[in-house]
Amino acid sequence: MDFKVVEKFVSINGEGRLSGQLAIFIRFAGCNLDCSYCDTKWANKESAEYELMSEEEIYEYIKSTKVKNVTLTGGEPLLQNGIIKLLTLLSKDNDLSVEIETNGSVSLKEFINIKNPPKFTMDYKLPSSDMENKMLVDNFKYLTKNDTVKFVSGSITDLEKSRYLINQYDLSNNTNVYISPVFSKIHMTDIVEFMQKYNMNGVTLQVQLHKIIWDPNERGV
């Protein structure tokens, strides 16, 4: 099985529970969504340049870096044909910590039964993304304390919707919950004040470190 890989590089995790730690990133081509604030639209275009790599070649590349944290991203990785084969192969290596970033529109059901499954970071698309109608709320029931749900918020309306979902599905008790700002669209002070107003215990405000360290449009970081 060959996968369309548009980027592979070592950097630090810019967000999530391993923020600031070294990670190897494998970015796949293609996505089924078109979010208003997407910062990787170039990777989703049919014209995007990619290299074809088998699951064995991806694994060999990961091991060659000697980095243990692995982030599979996109695009939408779960749409890659045969992705379950890659996840199964990576799951056999207990030295690796594998995270897969998914956009919330693809069911997680078939992937949670892998022995030693990856850690899911599910990005629920809020109103300002223009893609909320594509979200599968059924995915919330598959997330555990090994996983993360991320709410990228660009407005108070987004924050209100995230608070509703957190309460409705008891997310802060069932998984790890992060809120991050749409870059340049909302002040982080507004998010903090919103969290204070509603006593949002168990919710973490995160900043995308890679957009602070490097130019926000920089690739391969």
N, C-alpha and C. Protein backbone atom coordinates (compact mmCIF):
# COMPACT_ATOMS: atom_id res chain seq x y z
N MET A 1 0.84 -1.19 0.00
CA MET A 1 0.00 0.00 0.00
C MET A 1 0.87 1.24 0.00
N ASP A 2 0.61 2.16 -0.93
CA ASP A 2 1.38 3.40 -1.00
C ASP A 2 0.56 4.58 -0.50
N PHE A 3 1.20 5.45 0.25
CA PHE A 3 0.55 6.62 0.81
C PHE A 3 1.12 7.89 0.19
N LYS A 4 0.27 8.89 0.01
CA LYS A 4 0.70 10.17 -0.55
C LYS A 4 1.20 11.06 0.59
N VAL A 5 2.50 11.21 0.67
CA VAL A 5 3.13 11.98 1.74
C VAL A 5 3.64 13.30 1.15
N VAL A 6 3.11 14.41 1.65
CA VAL A 6 3.53 15.72 1.14
C VAL A 6 4.65 16.34 1.96
N GLU A 7 4.80 15.90 3.20
CA GLU A 7 5.87 16.39 4.07
C GLU A 7 6.24 15.33 5.07
N LYS A 8 7.50 15.28 5.40
CA LYS A 8 7.97 14.49 6.54
C LYS A 8 9.15 15.24 7.14
N PHE A 9 9.11 15.46 8.45
CA PHE A 9 10.15 16.27 9.08
C PHE A 9 10.12 16.07 10.59
N VAL A 10 11.21 16.45 11.23
CA VAL A 10 11.31 16.45 12.69
C VAL A 10 11.22 17.88 13.18
N SER A 11 10.39 18.10 14.18
CA SER A 11 10.27 19.42 14.80
C SER A 11 9.82 19.21 16.23
N ILE A 12 9.19 20.22 16.80
CA ILE A 12 8.57 20.04 18.11
C ILE A 12 7.06 20.02 17.92
N ASN A 13 6.39 19.33 18.82
CA ASN A 13 4.93 19.40 18.83
C ASN A 13 4.53 20.82 19.19
N GLY A 14 3.74 21.44 18.32
CA GLY A 14 3.34 22.81 18.56
C GLY A 14 2.15 22.94 19.48
N GLU A 15 1.45 21.83 19.70
CA GLU A 15 0.25 21.89 20.54
C GLU A 15 -0.04 20.51 21.11
N GLY A 16 -1.01 20.46 22.02
CA GLY A 16 -1.41 19.19 22.62
C GLY A 16 -0.63 18.86 23.87
N ARG A 17 -0.84 17.64 24.37
CA ARG A 17 -0.25 17.23 25.64
C ARG A 17 1.27 17.07 25.56
N LEU A 18 1.80 16.90 24.34
CA LEU A 18 3.24 16.77 24.17
C LEU A 18 3.85 18.04 23.60
N SER A 19 3.15 19.14 23.78
CA SER A 19 3.63 20.43 23.27
C SER A 19 5.04 20.71 23.76
N GLY A 20 5.91 21.08 22.82
CA GLY A 20 7.28 21.40 23.16
C GLY A 20 8.23 20.23 23.06
N GLN A 21 7.71 19.01 22.88
CA GLN A 21 8.56 17.84 22.75
C GLN A 21 8.87 17.55 21.29
N LEU A 22 10.01 16.95 21.04
CA LEU A 22 10.36 16.55 19.69
C LEU A 22 9.35 15.56 19.14
N ALA A 23 9.09 15.67 17.84
CA ALA A 23 8.17 14.74 17.18
C ALA A 23 8.56 14.62 15.71
N ILE A 24 8.26 13.46 15.15
CA ILE A 24 8.40 13.26 13.72
C ILE A 24 7.02 13.41 13.11
N PHE A 25 6.91 14.26 12.11
CA PHE A 25 5.63 14.53 11.46
C PHE A 25 5.58 13.88 10.08
N ILE A 26 4.48 13.19 9.82
CA ILE A 26 4.18 12.66 8.50
C ILE A 26 2.88 13.31 8.06
N ARG A 27 2.97 14.13 7.00
CA ARG A 27 1.77 14.83 6.53
C ARG A 27 1.29 14.20 5.22
N PHE A 28 0.02 13.79 5.23
CA PHE A 28 -0.58 13.16 4.06
C PHE A 28 -1.36 14.17 3.22
N ALA A 29 -1.47 13.88 1.95
CA ALA A 29 -2.19 14.76 1.03
C ALA A 29 -3.69 14.50 1.10
N GLY A 30 -4.47 15.57 0.90
CA GLY A 30 -5.90 15.43 0.71
C GLY A 30 -6.74 15.58 1.97
N CYS A 31 -7.88 16.24 1.80
CA CYS A 31 -8.82 16.43 2.90
C CYS A 31 -10.23 16.53 2.34
N ASN A 32 -11.19 16.12 3.14
CA ASN A 32 -12.59 16.18 2.72
C ASN A 32 -13.29 17.45 3.19
N LEU A 33 -12.56 18.32 3.91
CA LEU A 33 -13.13 19.57 4.40
C LEU A 33 -12.40 20.76 3.77
N ASP A 34 -12.99 21.93 3.92
CA ASP A 34 -12.38 23.17 3.43
C ASP A 34 -12.62 24.26 4.46
N CYS A 35 -11.92 24.17 5.57
CA CYS A 35 -12.13 25.09 6.69
C CYS A 35 -11.69 26.50 6.32
N SER A 36 -12.42 27.47 6.83
CA SER A 36 -12.15 28.88 6.50
C SER A 36 -10.76 29.31 6.92
N TYR A 37 -10.24 28.73 8.00
CA TYR A 37 -8.96 29.16 8.55
C TYR A 37 -7.84 28.14 8.31
N CYS A 38 -8.07 27.17 7.45
CA CYS A 38 -7.09 26.10 7.23
C CYS A 38 -5.72 26.68 6.86
N ASP A 39 -4.67 26.20 7.53
CA ASP A 39 -3.33 26.69 7.24
C ASP A 39 -2.51 25.68 6.43
N THR A 40 -3.17 24.63 5.95
CA THR A 40 -2.48 23.65 5.09
C THR A 40 -3.28 23.38 3.82
N LYS A 41 -3.95 24.41 3.32
CA LYS A 41 -4.75 24.22 2.09
C LYS A 41 -3.89 23.70 0.94
N TRP A 42 -2.64 24.08 0.91
CA TRP A 42 -1.74 23.64 -0.16
C TRP A 42 -1.62 22.12 -0.20
N ALA A 43 -1.71 21.48 0.96
CA ALA A 43 -1.57 20.02 1.02
C ALA A 43 -2.84 19.30 0.59
N ASN A 44 -3.94 20.04 0.49
CA ASN A 44 -5.23 19.44 0.16
C ASN A 44 -5.57 19.55 -1.32
N LYS A 45 -4.77 20.30 -2.07
CA LYS A 45 -5.05 20.49 -3.49
C LYS A 45 -4.62 19.26 -4.29
N GLU A 46 -5.35 18.97 -5.35
CA GLU A 46 -5.00 17.84 -6.21
C GLU A 46 -3.62 18.04 -6.83
N SER A 47 -3.21 19.29 -6.97
CA SER A 47 -1.91 19.59 -7.58
C SER A 47 -0.75 19.51 -6.60
N ALA A 48 -1.04 19.22 -5.33
CA ALA A 48 0.03 19.16 -4.31
C ALA A 48 1.05 18.09 -4.66
N GLU A 49 2.32 18.44 -4.56
CA GLU A 49 3.38 17.48 -4.82
C GLU A 49 3.50 16.51 -3.63
N TYR A 50 3.72 15.25 -3.93
CA TYR A 50 3.83 14.25 -2.88
C TYR A 50 4.78 13.14 -3.33
N GLU A 51 5.22 12.37 -2.36
CA GLU A 51 5.96 11.15 -2.68
C GLU A 51 5.16 9.96 -2.19
N LEU A 52 5.20 8.89 -2.96
CA LEU A 52 4.51 7.67 -2.56
C LEU A 52 5.41 6.86 -1.64
N MET A 53 4.90 6.52 -0.48
CA MET A 53 5.66 5.73 0.49
C MET A 53 4.80 4.60 1.00
N SER A 54 5.39 3.42 1.10
CA SER A 54 4.69 2.28 1.67
C SER A 54 4.71 2.40 3.19
N GLU A 55 3.90 1.59 3.86
CA GLU A 55 3.90 1.64 5.32
C GLU A 55 5.27 1.25 5.87
N GLU A 56 5.96 0.32 5.21
CA GLU A 56 7.29 -0.08 5.66
C GLU A 56 8.29 1.06 5.50
N GLU A 57 8.19 1.80 4.39
CA GLU A 57 9.10 2.92 4.16
C GLU A 57 8.86 4.04 5.17
N ILE A 58 7.58 4.29 5.49
CA ILE A 58 7.27 5.30 6.50
C ILE A 58 7.83 4.89 7.85
N TYR A 59 7.65 3.62 8.20
CA TYR A 59 8.17 3.12 9.48
C TYR A 59 9.69 3.23 9.53
N GLU A 60 10.35 2.86 8.44
CA GLU A 60 11.82 2.92 8.40
C GLU A 60 12.29 4.37 8.54
N TYR A 61 11.58 5.29 7.91
CA TYR A 61 11.96 6.70 8.03
C TYR A 61 11.80 7.17 9.47
N ILE A 62 10.68 6.82 10.08
CA ILE A 62 10.44 7.20 11.48
C ILE A 62 11.57 6.68 12.37
N LYS A 63 11.92 5.42 12.22
CA LYS A 63 12.97 4.83 13.06
C LYS A 63 14.33 5.47 12.81
N SER A 64 14.57 5.91 11.57
CA SER A 64 15.87 6.51 11.24
C SER A 64 16.09 7.83 11.97
N THR A 65 15.01 8.49 12.37
CA THR A 65 15.13 9.78 13.05
C THR A 65 15.49 9.64 14.52
N LYS A 66 15.22 8.46 15.08
CA LYS A 66 15.44 8.18 16.51
C LYS A 66 14.53 9.03 17.41
N VAL A 67 13.47 9.60 16.83
CA VAL A 67 12.49 10.36 17.60
C VAL A 67 11.31 9.45 17.90
N LYS A 68 10.84 9.47 19.14
CA LYS A 68 9.82 8.50 19.56
C LYS A 68 8.39 8.99 19.39
N ASN A 69 8.19 10.32 19.44
CA ASN A 69 6.83 10.84 19.24
C ASN A 69 6.55 10.96 17.75
N VAL A 70 5.44 10.39 17.31
CA VAL A 70 5.06 10.39 15.89
C VAL A 70 3.71 11.06 15.74
N THR A 71 3.62 12.04 14.85
CA THR A 71 2.35 12.70 14.57
C THR A 71 2.00 12.48 13.11
N LEU A 72 0.87 11.81 12.88
CA LEU A 72 0.34 11.61 11.53
C LEU A 72 -0.71 12.68 11.30
N THR A 73 -0.52 13.48 10.26
CA THR A 73 -1.38 14.64 10.07
C THR A 73 -1.70 14.82 8.60
N GLY A 74 -2.34 15.92 8.27
CA GLY A 74 -2.75 16.13 6.89
C GLY A 74 -3.04 17.59 6.62
N GLY A 75 -4.07 17.80 5.77
CA GLY A 75 -5.03 16.85 5.26
C GLY A 75 -5.77 16.08 6.35
N GLU A 76 -6.35 14.97 5.89
CA GLU A 76 -7.05 14.07 6.81
C GLU A 76 -6.46 12.67 6.67
N PRO A 77 -5.61 12.27 7.62
CA PRO A 77 -4.92 10.98 7.53
C PRO A 77 -5.86 9.77 7.44
N LEU A 78 -7.00 9.83 8.13
CA LEU A 78 -7.89 8.67 8.17
C LEU A 78 -8.56 8.39 6.83
N LEU A 79 -8.42 9.31 5.87
CA LEU A 79 -8.98 9.09 4.54
C LEU A 79 -7.99 8.36 3.64
N GLN A 80 -6.76 8.21 4.08
CA GLN A 80 -5.76 7.52 3.26
C GLN A 80 -6.12 6.05 3.11
N ASN A 81 -6.13 5.57 1.87
CA ASN A 81 -6.40 4.15 1.65
C ASN A 81 -5.36 3.30 2.36
N GLY A 82 -5.83 2.36 3.17
CA GLY A 82 -4.92 1.46 3.87
C GLY A 82 -4.30 2.02 5.12
N ILE A 83 -4.81 3.15 5.62
CA ILE A 83 -4.19 3.77 6.80
C ILE A 83 -4.20 2.84 8.00
N ILE A 84 -5.18 1.96 8.05
CA ILE A 84 -5.24 1.03 9.19
C ILE A 84 -4.05 0.07 9.18
N LYS A 85 -3.51 -0.22 7.99
CA LYS A 85 -2.32 -1.07 7.89
C LYS A 85 -1.12 -0.36 8.48
N LEU A 86 -0.99 0.93 8.19
CA LEU A 86 0.11 1.70 8.76
C LEU A 86 -0.03 1.80 10.27
N LEU A 87 -1.23 2.09 10.75
CA LEU A 87 -1.45 2.21 12.19
C LEU A 87 -1.16 0.89 12.89
N THR A 88 -1.53 -0.22 12.26
CA THR A 88 -1.28 -1.53 12.86
C THR A 88 0.21 -1.81 12.93
N LEU A 89 0.94 -1.45 11.88
CA LEU A 89 2.39 -1.65 11.87
C LEU A 89 3.05 -0.81 12.96
N LEU A 90 2.68 0.46 13.05
CA LEU A 90 3.30 1.34 14.06
C LEU A 90 2.95 0.90 15.47
N SER A 91 1.75 0.32 15.64
CA SER A 91 1.31 -0.08 16.98
C SER A 91 2.14 -1.21 17.56
N LYS A 92 2.87 -1.92 16.71
CA LYS A 92 3.67 -3.05 17.17
C LYS A 92 4.98 -2.60 17.81
N ASP A 93 5.34 -1.34 17.61
CA ASP A 93 6.59 -0.82 18.16
C ASP A 93 6.28 -0.06 19.45
N ASN A 94 6.56 -0.69 20.56
CA ASN A 94 6.23 -0.09 21.86
C ASN A 94 7.09 1.11 22.21
N ASP A 95 8.15 1.35 21.44
CA ASP A 95 9.00 2.51 21.70
C ASP A 95 8.41 3.79 21.12
N LEU A 96 7.41 3.65 20.25
CA LEU A 96 6.82 4.82 19.60
C LEU A 96 5.55 5.27 20.31
N SER A 97 5.36 6.58 20.34
CA SER A 97 4.10 7.17 20.82
C SER A 97 3.45 7.82 19.62
N VAL A 98 2.40 7.19 19.10
CA VAL A 98 1.80 7.60 17.83
C VAL A 98 0.53 8.40 18.07
N GLU A 99 0.48 9.59 17.50
CA GLU A 99 -0.70 10.46 17.56
C GLU A 99 -1.20 10.67 16.14
N ILE A 100 -2.51 10.65 15.97
CA ILE A 100 -3.07 10.93 14.66
C ILE A 100 -4.04 12.09 14.78
N GLU A 101 -3.82 13.12 13.97
CA GLU A 101 -4.67 14.30 13.99
C GLU A 101 -5.80 14.11 12.98
N THR A 102 -7.03 14.19 13.45
CA THR A 102 -8.19 13.94 12.60
C THR A 102 -9.19 15.08 12.74
N ASN A 103 -9.95 15.33 11.68
CA ASN A 103 -10.77 16.54 11.64
C ASN A 103 -12.19 16.40 12.18
N GLY A 104 -12.53 15.24 12.71
CA GLY A 104 -13.84 15.08 13.35
C GLY A 104 -14.96 14.66 12.42
N SER A 105 -14.65 14.50 11.14
CA SER A 105 -15.69 14.12 10.17
C SER A 105 -15.61 12.66 9.77
N VAL A 106 -14.58 11.96 10.24
CA VAL A 106 -14.39 10.54 9.90
C VAL A 106 -14.60 9.72 11.16
N SER A 107 -15.41 8.67 11.05
CA SER A 107 -15.70 7.84 12.22
C SER A 107 -14.44 7.18 12.75
N LEU A 108 -14.28 7.20 14.08
CA LEU A 108 -13.14 6.57 14.73
C LEU A 108 -13.40 5.11 15.08
N LYS A 109 -14.61 4.65 14.86
CA LYS A 109 -15.04 3.34 15.34
C LYS A 109 -14.12 2.21 14.92
N GLU A 110 -13.75 2.17 13.63
CA GLU A 110 -12.96 1.04 13.15
C GLU A 110 -11.50 1.11 13.56
N PHE A 111 -11.07 2.26 14.08
CA PHE A 111 -9.67 2.42 14.41
C PHE A 111 -9.36 2.17 15.89
N ILE A 112 -10.38 2.16 16.73
CA ILE A 112 -10.12 2.03 18.17
C ILE A 112 -9.85 0.59 18.58
N ASN A 113 -10.14 -0.36 17.68
CA ASN A 113 -9.95 -1.77 18.02
C ASN A 113 -8.56 -2.29 17.67
N ILE A 114 -7.71 -1.42 17.13
CA ILE A 114 -6.33 -1.81 16.89
C ILE A 114 -5.66 -2.06 18.24
N LYS A 115 -4.91 -3.13 18.32
CA LYS A 115 -4.17 -3.38 19.56
C LYS A 115 -3.15 -2.25 19.72
N ASN A 116 -3.11 -1.64 20.89
CA ASN A 116 -2.26 -0.47 21.13
C ASN A 116 -2.58 0.62 20.11
N PRO A 117 -3.82 1.12 20.11
CA PRO A 117 -4.24 2.11 19.11
C PRO A 117 -3.49 3.42 19.26
N PRO A 118 -3.48 4.24 18.20
CA PRO A 118 -2.83 5.55 18.30
C PRO A 118 -3.62 6.46 19.23
N LYS A 119 -3.01 7.54 19.64
CA LYS A 119 -3.70 8.57 20.40
C LYS A 119 -4.36 9.51 19.38
N PHE A 120 -5.64 9.73 19.53
CA PHE A 120 -6.36 10.59 18.60
C PHE A 120 -6.42 12.02 19.13
N THR A 121 -6.10 12.97 18.26
CA THR A 121 -6.38 14.37 18.53
C THR A 121 -7.45 14.78 17.54
N MET A 122 -8.66 14.90 18.02
CA MET A 122 -9.80 15.19 17.15
C MET A 122 -10.13 16.67 17.21
N ASP A 123 -10.12 17.29 16.06
CA ASP A 123 -10.37 18.73 15.95
C ASP A 123 -11.83 18.93 15.56
N TYR A 124 -12.66 19.25 16.56
CA TYR A 124 -14.07 19.50 16.26
C TYR A 124 -14.19 20.88 15.63
N LYS A 125 -14.82 20.94 14.46
CA LYS A 125 -14.92 22.20 13.72
C LYS A 125 -16.11 23.03 14.21
N LEU A 126 -15.81 24.20 14.73
CA LEU A 126 -16.82 25.10 15.27
C LEU A 126 -17.41 25.99 14.17
N PRO A 127 -18.44 26.80 14.48
CA PRO A 127 -19.15 27.56 13.43
C PRO A 127 -18.27 28.38 12.50
N SER A 128 -17.23 29.03 13.01
CA SER A 128 -16.44 29.90 12.15
C SER A 128 -15.63 29.13 11.11
N SER A 129 -15.54 27.82 11.25
CA SER A 129 -14.82 27.00 10.27
C SER A 129 -15.63 26.81 9.00
N ASP A 130 -16.95 27.02 9.08
CA ASP A 130 -17.89 26.76 7.99
C ASP A 130 -18.02 25.27 7.67
N MET A 131 -17.55 24.41 8.57
CA MET A 131 -17.57 22.97 8.33
C MET A 131 -18.25 22.19 9.46
N GLU A 132 -18.92 22.90 10.36
CA GLU A 132 -19.47 22.20 11.52
C GLU A 132 -20.52 21.16 11.12
N ASN A 133 -21.20 21.37 10.01
CA ASN A 133 -22.23 20.43 9.58
C ASN A 133 -21.65 19.07 9.16
N LYS A 134 -20.34 18.98 9.05
CA LYS A 134 -19.67 17.73 8.68
C LYS A 134 -19.23 16.92 9.90
N MET A 135 -19.41 17.47 11.09
CA MET A 135 -18.89 16.81 12.29
C MET A 135 -19.73 15.61 12.71
N LEU A 136 -19.04 14.59 13.22
CA LEU A 136 -19.69 13.39 13.74
C LEU A 136 -19.58 13.41 15.27
N VAL A 137 -20.64 13.84 15.93
CA VAL A 137 -20.58 13.90 17.39
C VAL A 137 -20.50 12.51 17.99
N ASP A 138 -20.86 11.49 17.22
CA ASP A 138 -20.74 10.11 17.69
C ASP A 138 -19.30 9.78 18.06
N ASN A 139 -18.35 10.49 17.46
CA ASN A 139 -16.93 10.24 17.76
C ASN A 139 -16.58 10.53 19.21
N PHE A 140 -17.32 11.40 19.87
CA PHE A 140 -17.00 11.75 21.25
C PHE A 140 -16.98 10.51 22.15
N LYS A 141 -17.83 9.54 21.86
CA LYS A 141 -17.92 8.38 22.75
C LYS A 141 -16.72 7.45 22.61
N TYR A 142 -15.90 7.65 21.58
CA TYR A 142 -14.73 6.79 21.39
C TYR A 142 -13.47 7.39 21.99
N LEU A 143 -13.52 8.64 22.41
CA LEU A 143 -12.33 9.29 22.95
C LEU A 143 -12.13 8.92 24.42
N THR A 144 -10.88 8.68 24.79
CA THR A 144 -10.54 8.32 26.16
C THR A 144 -9.54 9.33 26.71
N LYS A 145 -9.04 9.06 27.90
CA LYS A 145 -8.04 9.93 28.50
C LYS A 145 -6.69 9.84 27.79
N ASN A 146 -6.54 8.91 26.85
CA ASN A 146 -5.34 8.86 26.03
C ASN A 146 -5.43 9.83 24.85
N ASP A 147 -6.64 10.34 24.62
CA ASP A 147 -6.91 11.15 23.43
C ASP A 147 -7.15 12.61 23.80
N THR A 148 -7.40 13.40 22.77
CA THR A 148 -7.62 14.84 22.94
C THR A 148 -8.71 15.30 21.98
N VAL A 149 -9.57 16.19 22.46
CA VAL A 149 -10.47 16.90 21.56
C VAL A 149 -10.05 18.36 21.58
N LYS A 150 -9.95 18.94 20.39
CA LYS A 150 -9.45 20.31 20.25
C LYS A 150 -10.55 21.17 19.64
N PHE A 151 -10.77 22.33 20.24
CA PHE A 151 -11.73 23.30 19.72
C PHE A 151 -10.97 24.54 19.29
N VAL A 152 -10.83 24.71 17.98
CA VAL A 152 -10.18 25.90 17.44
C VAL A 152 -11.23 26.99 17.32
N SER A 153 -11.07 28.04 18.10
CA SER A 153 -12.11 29.05 18.26
C SER A 153 -11.69 30.39 17.68
N GLY A 154 -12.59 30.98 16.90
CA GLY A 154 -12.29 32.28 16.30
C GLY A 154 -13.25 33.37 16.73
N SER A 155 -14.19 33.04 17.64
CA SER A 155 -15.19 34.01 18.06
C SER A 155 -15.81 33.57 19.38
N ILE A 156 -16.56 34.46 19.98
CA ILE A 156 -17.30 34.11 21.20
C ILE A 156 -18.36 33.06 20.88
N THR A 157 -18.94 33.13 19.70
CA THR A 157 -19.91 32.11 19.28
C THR A 157 -19.27 30.73 19.27
N ASP A 158 -18.05 30.65 18.78
CA ASP A 158 -17.31 29.39 18.80
C ASP A 158 -17.11 28.91 20.23
N LEU A 159 -16.72 29.81 21.11
CA LEU A 159 -16.48 29.44 22.50
C LEU A 159 -17.77 28.94 23.16
N GLU A 160 -18.87 29.60 22.86
CA GLU A 160 -20.15 29.16 23.42
C GLU A 160 -20.51 27.77 22.95
N LYS A 161 -20.24 27.47 21.68
CA LYS A 161 -20.54 26.14 21.17
C LYS A 161 -19.63 25.09 21.80
N SER A 162 -18.37 25.43 21.97
CA SER A 162 -17.45 24.49 22.60
C SER A 162 -17.89 24.19 24.04
N ARG A 163 -18.32 25.23 24.76
CA ARG A 163 -18.77 25.01 26.14
C ARG A 163 -19.99 24.10 26.18
N TYR A 164 -20.92 24.31 25.24
CA TYR A 164 -22.10 23.44 25.16
C TYR A 164 -21.69 21.98 24.95
N LEU A 165 -20.79 21.74 24.02
CA LEU A 165 -20.37 20.37 23.70
C LEU A 165 -19.62 19.74 24.86
N ILE A 166 -18.77 20.51 25.51
CA ILE A 166 -18.02 19.99 26.65
C ILE A 166 -18.97 19.53 27.75
N ASN A 167 -20.00 20.33 28.01
CA ASN A 167 -20.98 19.97 29.04
C ASN A 167 -21.90 18.84 28.59
N GLN A 168 -22.36 18.92 27.36
CA GLN A 168 -23.31 17.93 26.85
C GLN A 168 -22.73 16.52 26.84
N TYR A 169 -21.45 16.42 26.51
CA TYR A 169 -20.82 15.10 26.38
C TYR A 169 -19.80 14.82 27.48
N ASP A 170 -19.81 15.65 28.52
CA ASP A 170 -18.94 15.45 29.68
C ASP A 170 -17.48 15.24 29.26
N LEU A 171 -17.04 16.03 28.31
CA LEU A 171 -15.74 15.79 27.68
C LEU A 171 -14.56 15.97 28.64
N SER A 172 -14.64 16.95 29.52
CA SER A 172 -13.49 17.20 30.40
C SER A 172 -13.24 16.05 31.37
N ASN A 173 -14.25 15.23 31.60
CA ASN A 173 -14.07 14.04 32.45
C ASN A 173 -13.69 12.81 31.65
N ASN A 174 -13.99 12.80 30.36
CA ASN A 174 -13.78 11.60 29.55
C ASN A 174 -12.53 11.63 28.69
N THR A 175 -12.05 12.82 28.39
CA THR A 175 -10.87 12.95 27.53
C THR A 175 -10.13 14.22 27.90
N ASN A 176 -9.15 14.62 27.10
CA ASN A 176 -8.40 15.85 27.33
C ASN A 176 -8.94 16.93 26.40
N VAL A 177 -9.27 18.08 26.95
CA VAL A 177 -9.95 19.13 26.19
C VAL A 177 -9.04 20.36 26.07
N TYR A 178 -8.84 20.79 24.83
CA TYR A 178 -8.01 21.97 24.56
C TYR A 178 -8.80 22.97 23.73
N ILE A 179 -8.60 24.22 24.04
CA ILE A 179 -9.14 25.32 23.21
C ILE A 179 -7.96 26.13 22.70
N SER A 180 -7.96 26.40 21.40
CA SER A 180 -6.90 27.24 20.85
C SER A 180 -7.52 28.30 19.96
N PRO A 181 -6.87 29.44 19.84
CA PRO A 181 -7.42 30.52 19.03
C PRO A 181 -7.14 30.32 17.54
N VAL A 182 -8.10 30.74 16.71
CA VAL A 182 -7.80 30.88 15.29
C VAL A 182 -6.78 32.01 15.19
N PHE A 183 -5.66 31.72 14.58
CA PHE A 183 -4.55 32.68 14.57
C PHE A 183 -5.00 34.03 14.01
N SER A 184 -4.81 35.08 14.81
CA SER A 184 -5.09 36.49 14.49
C SER A 184 -6.58 36.82 14.45
N LYS A 185 -7.47 35.90 14.88
CA LYS A 185 -8.91 36.15 14.81
C LYS A 185 -9.55 36.44 16.16
N ILE A 186 -8.90 36.03 17.24
CA ILE A 186 -9.47 36.25 18.57
C ILE A 186 -8.32 36.44 19.55
N HIS A 187 -8.53 37.29 20.54
CA HIS A 187 -7.50 37.52 21.55
C HIS A 187 -7.55 36.41 22.59
N MET A 188 -6.39 35.94 23.01
CA MET A 188 -6.35 34.88 24.02
C MET A 188 -6.93 35.36 25.34
N THR A 189 -6.86 36.66 25.60
CA THR A 189 -7.47 37.18 26.82
C THR A 189 -8.98 36.95 26.80
N ASP A 190 -9.59 37.03 25.61
CA ASP A 190 -11.03 36.76 25.51
C ASP A 190 -11.34 35.32 25.87
N ILE A 191 -10.47 34.41 25.46
CA ILE A 191 -10.69 33.00 25.78
C ILE A 191 -10.54 32.77 27.28
N VAL A 192 -9.50 33.36 27.86
CA VAL A 192 -9.27 33.19 29.30
C VAL A 192 -10.46 33.75 30.09
N GLU A 193 -10.93 34.93 29.71
CA GLU A 193 -12.07 35.54 30.41
C GLU A 193 -13.32 34.68 30.26
N PHE A 194 -13.50 34.07 29.11
CA PHE A 194 -14.65 33.18 28.90
C PHE A 194 -14.52 31.95 29.81
N MET A 195 -13.33 31.39 29.89
CA MET A 195 -13.10 30.23 30.76
C MET A 195 -13.34 30.59 32.22
N GLN A 196 -12.92 31.79 32.61
CA GLN A 196 -13.15 32.24 33.98
C GLN A 196 -14.65 32.42 34.26
N LYS A 197 -15.32 33.04 33.33
CA LYS A 197 -16.75 33.34 33.50
C LYS A 197 -17.56 32.08 33.76
N TYR A 198 -17.19 31.00 33.06
CA TYR A 198 -17.98 29.77 33.16
C TYR A 198 -17.28 28.67 33.94
N ASN A 199 -16.21 29.01 34.67
CA ASN A 199 -15.51 28.02 35.50
C ASN A 199 -15.23 26.74 34.72
N MET A 200 -14.54 26.89 33.61
CA MET A 200 -14.29 25.74 32.73
C MET A 200 -13.09 24.93 33.23
N ASN A 201 -13.34 24.22 34.33
CA ASN A 201 -12.31 23.36 34.91
C ASN A 201 -12.02 22.19 33.97
N GLY A 202 -10.77 21.76 33.95
CA GLY A 202 -10.39 20.62 33.13
C GLY A 202 -10.21 20.94 31.67
N VAL A 203 -10.26 22.23 31.31
CA VAL A 203 -10.07 22.67 29.93
C VAL A 203 -8.75 23.45 29.86
N THR A 204 -7.97 23.19 28.81
CA THR A 204 -6.65 23.81 28.68
C THR A 204 -6.62 24.76 27.48
N LEU A 205 -6.19 25.98 27.72
CA LEU A 205 -5.93 26.91 26.62
C LEU A 205 -4.55 26.59 26.06
N GLN A 206 -4.46 26.42 24.76
CA GLN A 206 -3.17 26.13 24.17
C GLN A 206 -2.82 27.15 23.09
N VAL A 207 -1.54 27.37 22.94
CA VAL A 207 -1.01 28.27 21.93
C VAL A 207 -0.21 27.43 20.95
N GLN A 208 -0.33 27.72 19.66
CA GLN A 208 0.43 26.97 18.67
C GLN A 208 1.87 27.46 18.66
N LEU A 209 2.73 26.72 19.34
CA LEU A 209 4.12 27.14 19.52
C LEU A 209 4.85 27.35 18.20
N HIS A 210 4.56 26.51 17.21
CA HIS A 210 5.28 26.61 15.95
C HIS A 210 5.00 27.93 15.22
N LYS A 211 3.84 28.55 15.53
CA LYS A 211 3.53 29.83 14.89
C LYS A 211 4.14 31.01 15.65
N ILE A 212 4.66 30.72 16.82
CA ILE A 212 5.38 31.73 17.60
C ILE A 212 6.88 31.65 17.32
N ILE A 213 7.37 30.43 17.22
CA ILE A 213 8.80 30.23 17.00
C ILE A 213 9.21 30.58 15.58
N TRP A 214 8.36 30.17 14.62
CA TRP A 214 8.66 30.40 13.21
C TRP A 214 7.58 31.29 12.59
N ASP A 215 7.81 31.71 11.38
CA ASP A 215 6.79 32.44 10.63
C ASP A 215 5.55 31.56 10.52
N PRO A 216 4.35 32.11 10.75
CA PRO A 216 3.12 31.31 10.72
C PRO A 216 2.90 30.56 9.42
N ASN A 217 3.50 31.02 8.32
CA ASN A 217 3.33 30.37 7.02
C ASN A 217 4.46 29.41 6.67
N GLU A 218 5.40 29.26 7.58
CA GLU A 218 6.56 28.40 7.33
C GLU A 218 6.11 26.93 7.27
N ARG A 219 6.66 26.20 6.29
CA ARG A 219 6.37 24.77 6.18
C ARG A 219 7.51 23.97 6.80
N GLY A 220 7.21 22.72 7.09
CA GLY A 220 8.24 21.83 7.58
C GLY A 220 8.71 22.11 8.97
N VAL A 221 7.82 22.75 9.78
CA VAL A 221 8.18 23.06 11.16
C VAL A 221 7.08 22.58 12.11
